[in-house]
C-alpha atoms as a PDB file:
ATOM      1  CA  MET A   1     -12.366 -17.490 -34.748  1.00  0.00           C
ATOM      2  CA  GLN A   2     -15.555 -16.315 -33.191  1.00  0.00           C
ATOM      3  CA  THR A   3     -17.455 -20.065 -34.703  1.00  0.00           C
ATOM      4  CA  LEU A   4     -14.789 -22.260 -33.070  1.00  0.00           C
ATOM      5  CA  GLN A   5     -14.418 -19.897 -29.793  1.00  0.00           C
ATOM      6  CA  LEU A   6     -18.147 -20.126 -29.478  1.00  0.00           C
ATOM      7  CA  GLU A   7     -18.103 -23.861 -30.021  1.00  0.00           C
ATOM      8  CA  ARG A   8     -15.423 -24.300 -27.500  1.00  0.00           C
ATOM      9  CA  LEU A   9     -17.499 -21.783 -24.664  1.00  0.00           C
ATOM     10  CA  LEU A  10     -20.576 -23.460 -25.205  1.00  0.00           C
ATOM     11  CA  SER A  11     -19.262 -27.098 -24.661  1.00  0.00           C
ATOM     12  CA  ALA A  12     -17.565 -26.117 -21.280  1.00  0.00           C
ATOM     13  CA  GLU A  13     -21.155 -25.266 -20.562  1.00  0.00           C
ATOM     14  CA  GLY A  14     -22.366 -28.487 -21.321  1.00  0.00           C
ATOM     15  CA  VAL A  15     -24.094 -27.761 -24.373  1.00  0.00           C
ATOM     16  CA  GLY A  16     -23.758 -30.061 -27.347  1.00  0.00           C
ATOM     17  CA  VAL A  17     -22.414 -28.617 -30.487  1.00  0.00           C
ATOM     18  CA  GLU A  18     -21.589 -30.120 -33.648  1.00  0.00           C
ATOM     19  CA  LEU A  19     -19.862 -27.736 -36.045  1.00  0.00           C
ATOM     20  CA  LEU A  20     -20.325 -28.156 -39.945  1.00  0.00           C
ATOM     21  CA  GLN A  21     -17.963 -25.983 -41.987  1.00  0.00           C
ATOM     22  CA  THR A  22     -19.032 -24.623 -45.599  1.00  0.00           C
ATOM     23  CA  ASN A  23     -15.447 -25.522 -46.553  1.00  0.00           C
ATOM     24  CA  ALA A  24     -14.617 -28.885 -45.729  1.00  0.00           C
ATOM     25  CA  PRO A  25     -11.896 -30.344 -47.493  1.00  0.00           C
ATOM     26  CA  TYR A  26     -12.407 -31.865 -51.004  1.00  0.00           C
ATOM     27  CA  ARG A  27     -12.975 -35.575 -51.668  1.00  0.00           C
ATOM     28  CA  PRO A  28     -10.957 -36.674 -53.725  1.00  0.00           C
ATOM     29  CA  ALA A  29      -8.517 -33.931 -52.880  1.00  0.00           C
ATOM     30  CA  TRP A  30      -7.510 -33.898 -56.736  1.00  0.00           C
ATOM     31  CA  VAL A  31     -10.896 -32.267 -57.466  1.00  0.00           C
ATOM     32  CA  ALA A  32      -9.750 -28.918 -55.665  1.00  0.00           C
ATOM     33  CA  ARG A  33      -7.899 -28.181 -59.175  1.00  0.00           C
ATOM     34  CA  ILE A  34     -10.914 -28.140 -61.475  1.00  0.00           C
ATOM     35  CA  ARG A  35     -12.874 -24.988 -61.420  1.00  0.00           C
ATOM     36  CA  GLY A  36     -16.876 -25.654 -61.843  1.00  0.00           C
ATOM     37  CA  LEU A  37     -16.415 -29.478 -60.715  1.00  0.00           C
ATOM     38  CA  ARG A  38     -14.900 -28.262 -57.259  1.00  0.00           C
ATOM     39  CA  ALA A  39     -17.927 -26.249 -56.675  1.00  0.00           C
ATOM     40  CA  VAL A  40     -20.306 -29.187 -57.289  1.00  0.00           C
ATOM     41  CA  PHE A  41     -18.362 -31.225 -55.253  1.00  0.00           C
ATOM     42  CA  ARG A  42     -18.399 -28.926 -52.159  1.00  0.00           C
ATOM     43  CA  LEU A  43     -21.691 -27.918 -52.313  1.00  0.00           C
ATOM     44  CA  LEU A  44     -23.752 -31.156 -52.853  1.00  0.00           C
ATOM     45  CA  PRO A  45     -22.310 -32.726 -49.661  1.00  0.00           C
ATOM     46  CA  TYR A  46     -22.751 -29.598 -47.862  1.00  0.00           C
ATOM     47  CA  LEU A  47     -26.310 -29.862 -48.666  1.00  0.00           C
ATOM     48  CA  TRP A  48     -26.687 -33.415 -47.530  1.00  0.00           C
ATOM     49  CA  ARG A  49     -24.547 -32.848 -44.519  1.00  0.00           C
ATOM     50  CA  VAL A  50     -27.193 -29.771 -43.611  1.00  0.00           C
ATOM     51  CA  TRP A  51     -29.971 -32.200 -44.110  1.00  0.00           C
ATOM     52  CA  ARG A  52     -28.883 -34.605 -41.642  1.00  0.00           C
ATOM     53  CA  LEU A  53     -27.847 -32.057 -39.123  1.00  0.00           C
ATOM     54  CA  ALA A  54     -31.381 -30.569 -39.052  1.00  0.00           C
ATOM     55  CA  GLY A  55     -32.727 -33.946 -38.102  1.00  0.00           C
ATOM     56  CA  ARG A  56     -30.832 -34.194 -35.472  1.00  0.00           C
ATOM     57  CA  VAL A  57     -30.442 -30.946 -33.489  1.00  0.00           C
ATOM     58  CA  ASP A  58     -32.356 -29.189 -31.741  1.00  0.00           C
ATOM     59  CA  VAL A  59     -31.194 -25.539 -32.958  1.00  0.00           C
ATOM     60  CA  ILE A  60     -29.051 -24.151 -35.823  1.00  0.00           C
ATOM     61  CA  HIS A  61     -26.807 -21.396 -35.025  1.00  0.00           C
ATOM     62  CA  LEU A  62     -26.361 -20.508 -38.852  1.00  0.00           C
ATOM     63  CA  MET A  63     -22.597 -18.030 -39.352  1.00  0.00           C
ATOM     64  CA  ALA A  64     -23.970 -15.742 -42.369  1.00  0.00           C
ATOM     65  CA  ASN A  65     -22.485 -13.263 -44.619  1.00  0.00           C
ATOM     66  CA  SER A  66     -23.239 -11.223 -47.844  1.00  0.00           C
ATOM     67  CA  GLY A  67     -23.196 -11.980 -51.478  1.00  0.00           C
ATOM     68  CA  TRP A  68     -22.493 -15.709 -52.517  1.00  0.00           C
ATOM     69  CA  SER A  69     -21.995 -17.039 -49.407  1.00  0.00           C
ATOM     70  CA  TRP A  70     -25.415 -16.345 -48.374  1.00  0.00           C
ATOM     71  CA  GLN A  71     -27.085 -17.887 -51.792  1.00  0.00           C
ATOM     72  CA  LEU A  72     -25.071 -20.534 -51.579  1.00  0.00           C
ATOM     73  CA  PHE A  73     -24.525 -21.669 -47.768  1.00  0.00           C
ATOM     74  CA  ALA A  74     -26.892 -19.629 -45.495  1.00  0.00           C
ATOM     75  CA  ALA A  75     -30.064 -19.707 -47.491  1.00  0.00           C
ATOM     76  CA  PRO A  76     -30.247 -23.491 -48.159  1.00  0.00           C
ATOM     77  CA  VAL A  77     -30.024 -24.021 -44.467  1.00  0.00           C
ATOM     78  CA  LEU A  78     -32.675 -22.060 -43.909  1.00  0.00           C
ATOM     79  CA  TRP A  79     -34.943 -23.773 -46.254  1.00  0.00           C
ATOM     80  CA  LEU A  80     -33.632 -27.183 -45.508  1.00  0.00           C
ATOM     81  CA  ALA A  81     -34.378 -26.441 -42.006  1.00  0.00           C
ATOM     82  CA  SER A  82     -37.844 -25.823 -42.414  1.00  0.00           C
ATOM     83  CA  LEU A  83     -38.883 -28.748 -43.937  1.00  0.00           C
ATOM     84  CA  ARG A  84     -37.360 -30.614 -41.078  1.00  0.00           C
ATOM     85  CA  GLY A  85     -39.189 -28.237 -38.527  1.00  0.00           C
ATOM     86  CA  THR A  86     -35.938 -27.164 -37.145  1.00  0.00           C
ATOM     87  CA  PRO A  87     -35.524 -23.374 -36.015  1.00  0.00           C
ATOM     88  CA  VAL A  88     -32.395 -21.748 -37.360  1.00  0.00           C
ATOM     89  CA  LEU A  89     -30.995 -18.747 -35.440  1.00  0.00           C
ATOM     90  CA  VAL A  90     -29.481 -16.389 -38.181  1.00  0.00           C
ATOM     91  CA  ASN A  91     -25.991 -15.073 -37.059  1.00  0.00           C
ATOM     92  CA  TYR A  92     -25.469 -12.383 -40.088  1.00  0.00           C
ATOM     93  CA  ARG A  93     -22.142 -10.787 -39.338  1.00  0.00           C
ATOM     94  CA  GLY A  94     -21.236  -9.102 -42.730  1.00  0.00           C
ATOM     95  CA  GLY A  95     -20.270  -5.261 -42.713  1.00  0.00           C
ATOM     96  CA  GLU A  96     -21.287  -5.275 -46.336  1.00  0.00           C
ATOM     97  CA  ALA A  97     -24.857  -5.732 -45.488  1.00  0.00           C
ATOM     98  CA  ARG A  98     -26.212  -2.769 -46.577  1.00  0.00           C
ATOM     99  CA  ASP A  99     -25.133  -2.582 -50.434  1.00  0.00           C
ATOM    100  CA  TYR A 100     -25.684  -6.282 -50.277  1.00  0.00           C
ATOM    101  CA  LEU A 101     -29.268  -6.021 -49.074  1.00  0.00           C
ATOM    102  CA  ALA A 102     -29.889  -2.811 -51.676  1.00  0.00           C
ATOM    103  CA  ALA A 103     -29.158  -5.270 -54.663  1.00  0.00           C
ATOM    104  CA  SER A 104     -30.567  -8.500 -53.101  1.00  0.00           C
ATOM    105  CA  ALA A 105     -33.080  -7.873 -50.693  1.00  0.00           C
ATOM    106  CA  ARG A 106     -35.803  -9.640 -52.784  1.00  0.00           C
ATOM    107  CA  TRP A 107     -33.648 -12.837 -52.919  1.00  0.00           C
ATOM    108  CA  VAL A 108     -32.655 -12.401 -48.985  1.00  0.00           C
ATOM    109  CA  LYS A 109     -36.080 -11.839 -47.429  1.00  0.00           C
ATOM    110  CA  PRO A 110     -37.880 -15.193 -48.658  1.00  0.00           C
ATOM    111  CA  SER A 111     -35.399 -16.964 -46.757  1.00  0.00           C
ATOM    112  CA  LEU A 112     -34.993 -14.726 -43.764  1.00  0.00           C
ATOM    113  CA  ALA A 113     -38.612 -15.098 -43.164  1.00  0.00           C
ATOM    114  CA  ARG A 114     -38.197 -18.890 -42.437  1.00  0.00           C
ATOM    115  CA  ALA A 115     -35.654 -17.813 -39.430  1.00  0.00           C
ATOM    116  CA  ALA A 116     -36.492 -18.552 -35.682  1.00  0.00           C
ATOM    117  CA  ARG A 117     -34.350 -15.366 -34.693  1.00  0.00           C
ATOM    118  CA  LEU A 118     -32.312 -12.865 -36.811  1.00  0.00           C
ATOM    119  CA  VAL A 119     -29.128 -11.544 -34.599  1.00  0.00           C
ATOM    120  CA  VAL A 120     -26.428  -9.388 -35.121  1.00  0.00           C
ATOM    121  CA  PRO A 121     -23.080  -8.593 -33.433  1.00  0.00           C
ATOM    122  CA  SER A 122     -23.573  -4.889 -33.343  1.00  0.00           C
ATOM    123  CA  GLY A 123     -26.104  -1.467 -33.268  1.00  0.00           C
ATOM    124  CA  PHE A 124     -24.745  -0.518 -36.487  1.00  0.00           C
ATOM    125  CA  LEU A 125     -26.114  -3.668 -38.534  1.00  0.00           C
ATOM    126  CA  GLN A 126     -29.201  -4.050 -36.693  1.00  0.00           C
ATOM    127  CA  GLN A 127     -29.653  -0.539 -38.061  1.00  0.00           C
ATOM    128  CA  VAL A 128     -28.925  -1.701 -41.398  1.00  0.00           C
ATOM    129  CA  PHE A 129     -31.266  -4.312 -41.453  1.00  0.00           C
ATOM    130  CA  ARG A 130     -33.822  -1.934 -39.824  1.00  0.00           C
ATOM    131  CA  GLU A 131     -33.515   0.139 -42.639  1.00  0.00           C
ATOM    132  CA  PHE A 132     -34.935  -2.691 -44.870  1.00  0.00           C
ATOM    133  CA  GLY A 133     -37.709  -3.658 -42.550  1.00  0.00           C
ATOM    134  CA  LEU A 134     -36.195  -6.073 -40.958  1.00  0.00           C
ATOM    135  CA  GLY A 135     -36.209  -6.656 -37.187  1.00  0.00           C
ATOM    136  CA  SER A 136     -33.117  -8.094 -35.195  1.00  0.00           C
ATOM    137  CA  GLU A 137     -31.213  -8.485 -31.718  1.00  0.00           C
ATOM    138  CA  VAL A 138     -27.838  -7.915 -30.761  1.00  0.00           C
ATOM    139  CA  VAL A 139     -25.875 -10.280 -29.332  1.00  0.00           C
ATOM    140  CA  PRO A 140     -21.914  -8.884 -29.197  1.00  0.00           C
ATOM    141  CA  ASN A 141     -18.768 -10.849 -30.536  1.00  0.00           C
ATOM    142  CA  ILE A 142     -16.688 -12.784 -27.603  1.00  0.00           C
ATOM    143  CA  ILE A 143     -13.236 -11.751 -26.880  1.00  0.00           C
ATOM    144  CA  ASP A 144     -11.122 -14.167 -24.708  1.00  0.00           C
ATOM    145  CA  LEU A 145     -10.337 -12.370 -21.922  1.00  0.00           C
ATOM    146  CA  GLU A 146      -8.309 -14.483 -20.089  1.00  0.00           C
ATOM    147  CA  HIS A 147      -6.027 -14.895 -23.616  1.00  0.00           C
ATOM    148  CA  PHE A 148      -6.084 -11.361 -25.134  1.00  0.00           C
ATOM    149  CA  ARG A 149      -4.763  -9.281 -21.789  1.00  0.00           C
ATOM    150  CA  PRO A 150      -1.674  -6.710 -21.459  1.00  0.00           C
ATOM    151  CA  ALA A 151       1.593  -8.021 -21.085  1.00  0.00           C
ATOM    152  CA  ARG A 152       2.366  -8.725 -17.158  1.00  0.00           C
ATOM    153  CA  GLU A 153       6.064  -7.013 -17.948  1.00  0.00           C
ATOM    154  CA  PRO A 154       6.611  -4.089 -20.592  1.00  0.00           C
ATOM    155  CA  ALA A 155       7.845  -5.434 -23.680  1.00  0.00           C
ATOM    156  CA  VAL A 156      11.410  -3.948 -24.642  1.00  0.00           C
ATOM    157  CA  ARG A 157      10.250  -2.129 -27.846  1.00  0.00           C
ATOM    158  CA  ASP A 158      12.218  -1.170 -31.215  1.00  0.00           C
ATOM    159  CA  GLY A 159      11.142   2.173 -31.456  1.00  0.00           C
ATOM    160  CA  PHE A 160       7.405   3.242 -31.645  1.00  0.00           C
ATOM    161  CA  THR A 161       5.101  -0.160 -33.086  1.00  0.00           C
ATOM    162  CA  LEU A 162       2.362  -0.159 -34.197  1.00  0.00           C
ATOM    163  CA  VAL A 163       0.295  -3.112 -35.938  1.00  0.00           C
ATOM    164  CA  VAL A 164      -2.067  -3.928 -38.070  1.00  0.00           C
ATOM    165  CA  THR A 165      -3.916  -7.546 -38.249  1.00  0.00           C
ATOM    166  CA  ARG A 166      -6.471  -7.597 -41.035  1.00  0.00           C
ATOM    167  CA  ASN A 167      -6.377  -9.652 -44.310  1.00  0.00           C
ATOM    168  CA  LEU A 168      -4.661  -8.118 -47.185  1.00  0.00           C
ATOM    169  CA  GLU A 169      -7.712  -7.179 -49.270  1.00  0.00           C
ATOM    170  CA  PRO A 170      -9.023  -3.896 -50.744  1.00  0.00           C
ATOM    171  CA  ILE A 171     -11.577  -3.353 -48.308  1.00  0.00           C
ATOM    172  CA  TYR A 172      -9.277  -3.096 -45.082  1.00  0.00           C
ATOM    173  CA  GLY A 173      -7.271  -0.009 -47.142  1.00  0.00           C
ATOM    174  CA  ILE A 174      -3.951  -1.452 -45.444  1.00  0.00           C
ATOM    175  CA  GLU A 175      -2.301   1.278 -48.275  1.00  0.00           C
ATOM    176  CA  THR A 176      -3.792   4.163 -46.048  1.00  0.00           C
ATOM    177  CA  ALA A 177      -1.630   2.903 -43.503  1.00  0.00           C
ATOM    178  CA  LEU A 178       1.250   2.627 -45.279  1.00  0.00           C
ATOM    179  CA  ARG A 179       0.877   6.125 -46.533  1.00  0.00           C
ATOM    180  CA  ALA A 180       0.254   7.500 -42.892  1.00  0.00           C
ATOM    181  CA  ILE A 181       3.521   5.664 -41.638  1.00  0.00           C
ATOM    182  CA  ASP A 182       5.061   7.429 -44.574  1.00  0.00           C
ATOM    183  CA  ILE A 183       4.307  10.707 -43.762  1.00  0.00           C
ATOM    184  CA  ALA A 184       4.522  10.492 -39.501  1.00  0.00           C
ATOM    185  CA  ARG A 185       7.882   8.957 -39.991  1.00  0.00           C
ATOM    186  CA  ARG A 186       8.783  12.709 -40.489  1.00  0.00           C
ATOM    187  CA  GLU A 187       7.897  13.318 -36.885  1.00  0.00           C
ATOM    188  CA  VAL A 188       8.153   9.870 -35.678  1.00  0.00           C
ATOM    189  CA  PRO A 189      11.646   8.661 -37.244  1.00  0.00           C
ATOM    190  CA  ASP A 190      11.761   5.559 -34.896  1.00  0.00           C
ATOM    191  CA  ILE A 191       8.015   4.420 -36.485  1.00  0.00           C
ATOM    192  CA  ARG A 192       7.810   0.789 -37.169  1.00  0.00           C
ATOM    193  CA  LEU A 193       4.265  -1.196 -38.671  1.00  0.00           C
ATOM    194  CA  LYS A 194       3.694  -4.667 -38.518  1.00  0.00           C
ATOM    195  CA  VAL A 195       1.179  -6.081 -40.413  1.00  0.00           C
ATOM    196  CA  ALA A 196      -0.464  -9.441 -40.132  1.00  0.00           C
ATOM    197  CA  GLY A 197      -2.706 -11.145 -42.219  1.00  0.00           C
ATOM    198  CA  SER A 198      -2.547 -12.664 -45.952  1.00  0.00           C
ATOM    199  CA  GLY A 199      -4.466 -12.157 -48.820  1.00  0.00           C
ATOM    200  CA  PRO A 200      -4.560 -11.005 -52.576  1.00  0.00           C
ATOM    201  CA  GLN A 201      -2.972  -7.532 -52.162  1.00  0.00           C
ATOM    202  CA  ARG A 202       0.538  -8.597 -50.846  1.00  0.00           C
ATOM    203  CA  GLU A 203       2.518  -8.131 -54.215  1.00  0.00           C
ATOM    204  CA  ALA A 204       0.874  -4.743 -54.062  1.00  0.00           C
ATOM    205  CA  LEU A 205       1.659  -3.800 -51.226  1.00  0.00           C
ATOM    206  CA  GLN A 206       5.310  -4.983 -51.260  1.00  0.00           C
ATOM    207  CA  ALA A 207       5.681  -2.742 -54.511  1.00  0.00           C
ATOM    208  CA  LEU A 208       4.245   0.135 -52.723  1.00  0.00           C
ATOM    209  CA  ILE A 209       6.661  -0.541 -49.582  1.00  0.00           C
ATOM    210  CA  ALA A 210       9.651  -0.210 -52.095  1.00  0.00           C
ATOM    211  CA  ALA A 211       8.069   2.813 -53.906  1.00  0.00           C
ATOM    212  CA  LEU A 212       7.549   4.621 -50.498  1.00  0.00           C
ATOM    213  CA  ASP A 213      10.948   3.509 -49.306  1.00  0.00           C
ATOM    214  CA  LEU A 214       9.703   2.129 -46.253  1.00  0.00           C
ATOM    215  CA  GLY A 215      11.243  -1.055 -45.977  1.00  0.00           C
ATOM    216  CA  ALA A 216      12.956  -0.152 -42.816  1.00  0.00           C
ATOM    217  CA  HIS A 217       9.864   1.010 -41.267  1.00  0.00           C
ATOM    218  CA  VAL A 218       7.445  -1.851 -42.293  1.00  0.00           C
ATOM    219  CA  GLN A 219       6.987  -5.551 -42.218  1.00  0.00           C
ATOM    220  CA  LEU A 220       4.326  -7.729 -43.761  1.00  0.00           C
ATOM    221  CA  LEU A 221       4.437 -10.752 -41.223  1.00  0.00           C
ATOM    222  CA  GLY A 222       1.885 -13.039 -43.214  1.00  0.00           C
ATOM    223  CA  ARG A 223      -0.835 -14.831 -41.324  1.00  0.00           C
ATOM    224  CA  LEU A 224      -0.259 -15.365 -37.483  1.00  0.00           C
ATOM    225  CA  GLU A 225      -1.965 -17.760 -35.149  1.00  0.00           C
ATOM    226  CA  ARG A 226      -3.798 -17.285 -31.996  1.00  0.00           C
ATOM    227  CA  ASP A 227      -0.519 -16.429 -29.585  1.00  0.00           C
ATOM    228  CA  ALA A 228       1.377 -14.902 -32.529  1.00  0.00           C
ATOM    229  CA  VAL A 229      -1.305 -12.013 -32.438  1.00  0.00           C
ATOM    230  CA  LEU A 230      -1.372 -12.091 -28.812  1.00  0.00           C
ATOM    231  CA  ALA A 231       2.434 -11.519 -28.716  1.00  0.00           C
ATOM    232  CA  LEU A 232       1.981  -8.594 -31.699  1.00  0.00           C
ATOM    233  CA  TYR A 233       0.026  -6.651 -29.385  1.00  0.00           C
ATOM    234  CA  GLN A 234       1.334  -6.645 -26.374  1.00  0.00           C
ATOM    235  CA  GLY A 235       4.867  -6.120 -27.866  1.00  0.00           C
ATOM    236  CA  ALA A 236       3.164  -3.023 -29.884  1.00  0.00           C
ATOM    237  CA  ASP A 237       2.405   0.728 -28.876  1.00  0.00           C
ATOM    238  CA  ALA A 238      -1.118   1.393 -30.504  1.00  0.00           C
ATOM    239  CA  MET A 239      -3.013  -0.324 -33.375  1.00  0.00           C
ATOM    240  CA  LEU A 240      -4.008   1.096 -36.680  1.00  0.00           C
ATOM    241  CA  ASN A 241      -7.463  -0.343 -37.995  1.00  0.00           C
ATOM    242  CA  PRO A 242      -7.462   1.372 -41.609  1.00  0.00           C
ATOM    243  CA  THR A 243     -10.600  -0.262 -42.874  1.00  0.00           C
ATOM    244  CA  ARG A 244     -12.969   1.167 -45.527  1.00  0.00           C
ATOM    245  CA  VAL A 245     -15.685  -1.310 -44.677  1.00  0.00           C
ATOM    246  CA  ASP A 246     -16.431  -2.970 -41.160  1.00  0.00           C
ATOM    247  CA  ASN A 247     -19.054  -4.235 -38.839  1.00  0.00           C
ATOM    248  CA  MET A 248     -17.677  -5.013 -35.166  1.00  0.00           C
ATOM    249  CA  PRO A 249     -13.882  -5.917 -35.967  1.00  0.00           C
ATOM    250  CA  ASN A 250     -12.973  -8.583 -33.437  1.00  0.00           C
ATOM    251  CA  SER A 251      -9.018  -7.191 -33.751  1.00  0.00           C
ATOM    252  CA  VAL A 252     -10.295  -3.828 -32.512  1.00  0.00           C
ATOM    253  CA  LEU A 253     -11.651  -5.574 -29.535  1.00  0.00           C
ATOM    254  CA  GLU A 254      -8.511  -7.711 -28.963  1.00  0.00           C
ATOM    255  CA  ALA A 255      -6.183  -4.501 -29.122  1.00  0.00           C
ATOM    256  CA  LEU A 256      -7.917  -2.962 -26.465  1.00  0.00           C
ATOM    257  CA  ALA A 257      -8.062  -6.185 -24.356  1.00  0.00           C
ATOM    258  CA  CYS A 258      -4.286  -6.271 -24.599  1.00  0.00           C
ATOM    259  CA  GLY A 259      -4.304  -2.437 -23.497  1.00  0.00           C
ATOM    260  CA  LEU A 260      -3.399  -1.147 -26.462  1.00  0.00           C
ATOM    261  CA  PRO A 261      -4.473   2.288 -28.035  1.00  0.00           C
ATOM    262  CA  VAL A 262      -6.383   2.009 -31.090  1.00  0.00           C
ATOM    263  CA  ILE A 263      -6.728   4.639 -34.222  1.00  0.00           C
ATOM    264  CA  SER A 264      -9.626   3.175 -36.615  1.00  0.00           C
ATOM    265  CA  THR A 265     -11.311   4.772 -39.596  1.00  0.00           C
ATOM    266  CA  ASN A 266     -14.797   5.694 -39.019  1.00  0.00           C
ATOM    267  CA  VAL A 267     -16.752   3.343 -40.816  1.00  0.00           C
ATOM    268  CA  GLY A 268     -19.418   0.913 -40.296  1.00  0.00           C
ATOM    269  CA  GLY A 269     -19.975  -0.550 -36.613  1.00  0.00           C
ATOM    270  CA  VAL A 270     -16.544   1.063 -35.454  1.00  0.00           C
ATOM    271  CA  PRO A 271     -18.120   3.743 -34.122  1.00  0.00           C
ATOM    272  CA  PHE A 272     -20.215   1.594 -32.562  1.00  0.00           C
ATOM    273  CA  ILE A 273     -17.792  -0.077 -30.255  1.00  0.00           C
ATOM    274  CA  VAL A 274     -15.349   2.449 -29.909  1.00  0.00           C
ATOM    275  CA  GLU A 275     -15.765   6.336 -29.180  1.00  0.00           C
ATOM    276  CA  HIS A 276     -13.479   9.013 -30.451  1.00  0.00           C
ATOM    277  CA  GLY A 277     -11.415  10.405 -27.758  1.00  0.00           C
ATOM    278  CA  ARG A 278     -12.086   8.360 -25.091  1.00  0.00           C
ATOM    279  CA  THR A 279     -11.497   4.715 -26.062  1.00  0.00           C
ATOM    280  CA  ALA A 280     -10.090   5.367 -29.623  1.00  0.00           C
ATOM    281  CA  LEU A 281      -8.986   7.667 -31.980  1.00  0.00           C
ATOM    282  CA  LEU A 282     -11.242   8.081 -35.186  1.00  0.00           C
ATOM    283  CA  VAL A 283     -10.468   9.067 -38.623  1.00  0.00           C
ATOM    284  CA  GLU A 284     -11.989   9.040 -41.850  1.00  0.00           C
ATOM    285  CA  PRO A 285     -11.366   6.330 -44.254  1.00  0.00           C
ATOM    286  CA  ASP A 286      -8.871   6.956 -47.065  1.00  0.00           C
ATOM    287  CA  ASP A 287      -6.972   9.659 -45.645  1.00  0.00           C
ATOM    288  CA  PRO A 288      -3.754   8.830 -44.599  1.00  0.00           C
ATOM    289  CA  GLN A 289      -2.791  12.448 -43.457  1.00  0.00           C
ATOM    290  CA  ALA A 290      -5.687  12.367 -41.098  1.00  0.00           C
ATOM    291  CA  MET A 291      -4.500   8.801 -40.016  1.00  0.00           C
ATOM    292  CA  ALA A 292      -0.408  10.205 -39.468  1.00  0.00           C
ATOM    293  CA  ASP A 293      -1.770  13.115 -37.388  1.00  0.00           C
ATOM    294  CA  ALA A 294      -3.576  10.687 -35.164  1.00  0.00           C
ATOM    295  CA  ILE A 295      -0.355   8.666 -35.125  1.00  0.00           C
ATOM    296  CA  VAL A 296       1.757  11.917 -34.230  1.00  0.00           C
ATOM    297  CA  THR A 297      -0.792  12.908 -31.465  1.00  0.00           C
ATOM    298  CA  LEU A 298      -0.654   9.574 -30.000  1.00  0.00           C
ATOM    299  CA  TYR A 299       3.123   9.432 -29.913  1.00  0.00           C
ATOM    300  CA  ARG A 300       3.850  12.764 -28.181  1.00  0.00           C
ATOM    301  CA  ASP A 301       0.997  12.912 -25.899  1.00  0.00           C
ATOM    302  CA  HIS A 302       1.781  10.336 -23.182  1.00  0.00           C
ATOM    303  CA  ALA A 303      -1.365  10.920 -21.170  1.00  0.00           C
ATOM    304  CA  LEU A 304      -4.036  10.544 -24.266  1.00  0.00           C
ATOM    305  CA  GLY A 305      -2.223   7.327 -24.588  1.00  0.00           C
ATOM    306  CA  ALA A 306      -2.540   6.285 -20.988  1.00  0.00           C
ATOM    307  CA  GLN A 307      -6.488   7.526 -20.931  1.00  0.00           C
ATOM    308  CA  LEU A 308      -7.413   5.287 -23.946  1.00  0.00           C
ATOM    309  CA  ARG A 309      -5.212   2.279 -22.600  1.00  0.00           C
ATOM    310  CA  GLU A 310      -7.679   2.575 -19.395  1.00  0.00           C
ATOM    311  CA  SER A 311     -11.118   3.463 -20.942  1.00  0.00           C
ATOM    312  CA  GLY A 312     -10.723   0.588 -23.852  1.00  0.00           C
ATOM    313  CA  MET A 313     -10.003  -2.044 -21.124  1.00  0.00           C
ATOM    314  CA  ARG A 314     -12.976  -1.242 -18.932  1.00  0.00           C
ATOM    315  CA  GLU A 315     -14.976  -1.004 -22.298  1.00  0.00           C
ATOM    316  CA  VAL A 316     -13.973  -4.209 -23.702  1.00  0.00           C
ATOM    317  CA  ALA A 317     -15.261  -6.117 -20.543  1.00  0.00           C
ATOM    318  CA  ARG A 318     -18.863  -6.014 -21.735  1.00  0.00           C
ATOM    319  CA  TYR A 319     -17.633  -8.711 -24.320  1.00  0.00           C
ATOM    320  CA  SER A 320     -16.548 -11.387 -22.180  1.00  0.00           C
ATOM    321  CA  TRP A 321     -17.979 -14.814 -22.000  1.00  0.00           C
ATOM    322  CA  ARG A 322     -19.486 -13.834 -18.697  1.00  0.00           C
ATOM    323  CA  GLU A 323     -21.556 -11.237 -20.460  1.00  0.00           C
ATOM    324  CA  VAL A 324     -22.719 -12.482 -23.807  1.00  0.00           C
ATOM    325  CA  GLY A 325     -22.944 -16.310 -23.104  1.00  0.00           C
ATOM    326  CA  PRO A 326     -26.124 -15.928 -21.137  1.00  0.00           C
ATOM    327  CA  LEU A 327     -27.590 -13.878 -24.074  1.00  0.00           C
ATOM    328  CA  TRP A 328     -26.752 -16.941 -26.390  1.00  0.00           C
ATOM    329  CA  LEU A 329     -28.272 -19.275 -23.829  1.00  0.00           C
ATOM    330  CA  ASN A 330     -31.490 -17.434 -23.602  1.00  0.00           C
ATOM    331  CA  LEU A 331     -31.663 -17.400 -27.376  1.00  0.00           C
ATOM    332  CA  TYR A 332     -31.337 -20.830 -27.802  1.00  0.00           C
ATOM    333  CA  GLN A 333     -33.452 -21.594 -25.139  1.00  0.00           C
ATOM    334  CA  ARG A 334     -36.417 -19.742 -26.805  1.00  0.00           C
ATOM    335  CA  CYS A 335     -35.688 -20.940 -30.356  1.00  0.00           C
ATOM    336  CA  GLY A 336     -36.238 -24.383 -29.283  1.00  0.00           C
ATOM    337  CA  GLU A 337     -39.639 -23.905 -27.478  1.00  0.00           C
ATOM    338  CA  ALA A 338     -40.814 -21.673 -30.126  1.00  0.00           C
ATOM    339  CA  ALA A 339     -40.474 -24.912 -32.542  1.00  0.00           C
END
């Protein structure tokens, strides 16, 4: 979403942008059914497209992550672009960077040495890279404040509604949110949780919902498009972010922009973008009791909810294109001049 949004906003500024996907469709389509072979059919055309791209652009903005994603798709860009004399701005975004660098810094550093700039979206990742002797610059994520905004009219709510907008994967701790709902419903009988996201944990989470008898309180909505996510935020009372690992979650910023109080785990880059008691309520990860206590507090304390909404909306203004756009444009210019 950040990549597509950046492409759209830069194009509106008159910057020529060419988007190169790492997950382009397989050709021929039947290759997708054959493991091993499909990796070759994806990687080799990707490398050829990177080589051609590096020969016709002024700067490459590389969205990078940890693990195999780095080795297969990010590192080759740096080496190929270096051969063609094209500067690469590495925009590293993985919330698991510390663990990955601890295990693989010797493989990552030689490639990063070829980058014109290393840019991260949060002070958290800047701190992580500093631990490994790597300097970086911070340019935060962009939130479309024209799209993500409070509802013009108060929504008709069916009980006290909380939302989660994360993929259904173990690192996002959705089961903690479910157990918190189970605890909190004793004090908030009309509590509702709507979970927007898809992923490998869906069946396990459905089983936990059944085991806790939460069928009347929890909905798994699957993956939602952008407009549906906006409607979800605008129709809710608060947002839960129960993650175990995080960098700079867009979902938290989007919720704040919609005037939604946020209850999040105090992990990774989260405390770099919100402050406990002022712009969000923070709890420790894997602690459903603490999350349930925060839910009940927010349910009872309307003044606290109003304060979190107001402070959160002021804070998120820092992530508008008006604030962030000039930072990217300046970096591109510096990279081009240094080439």
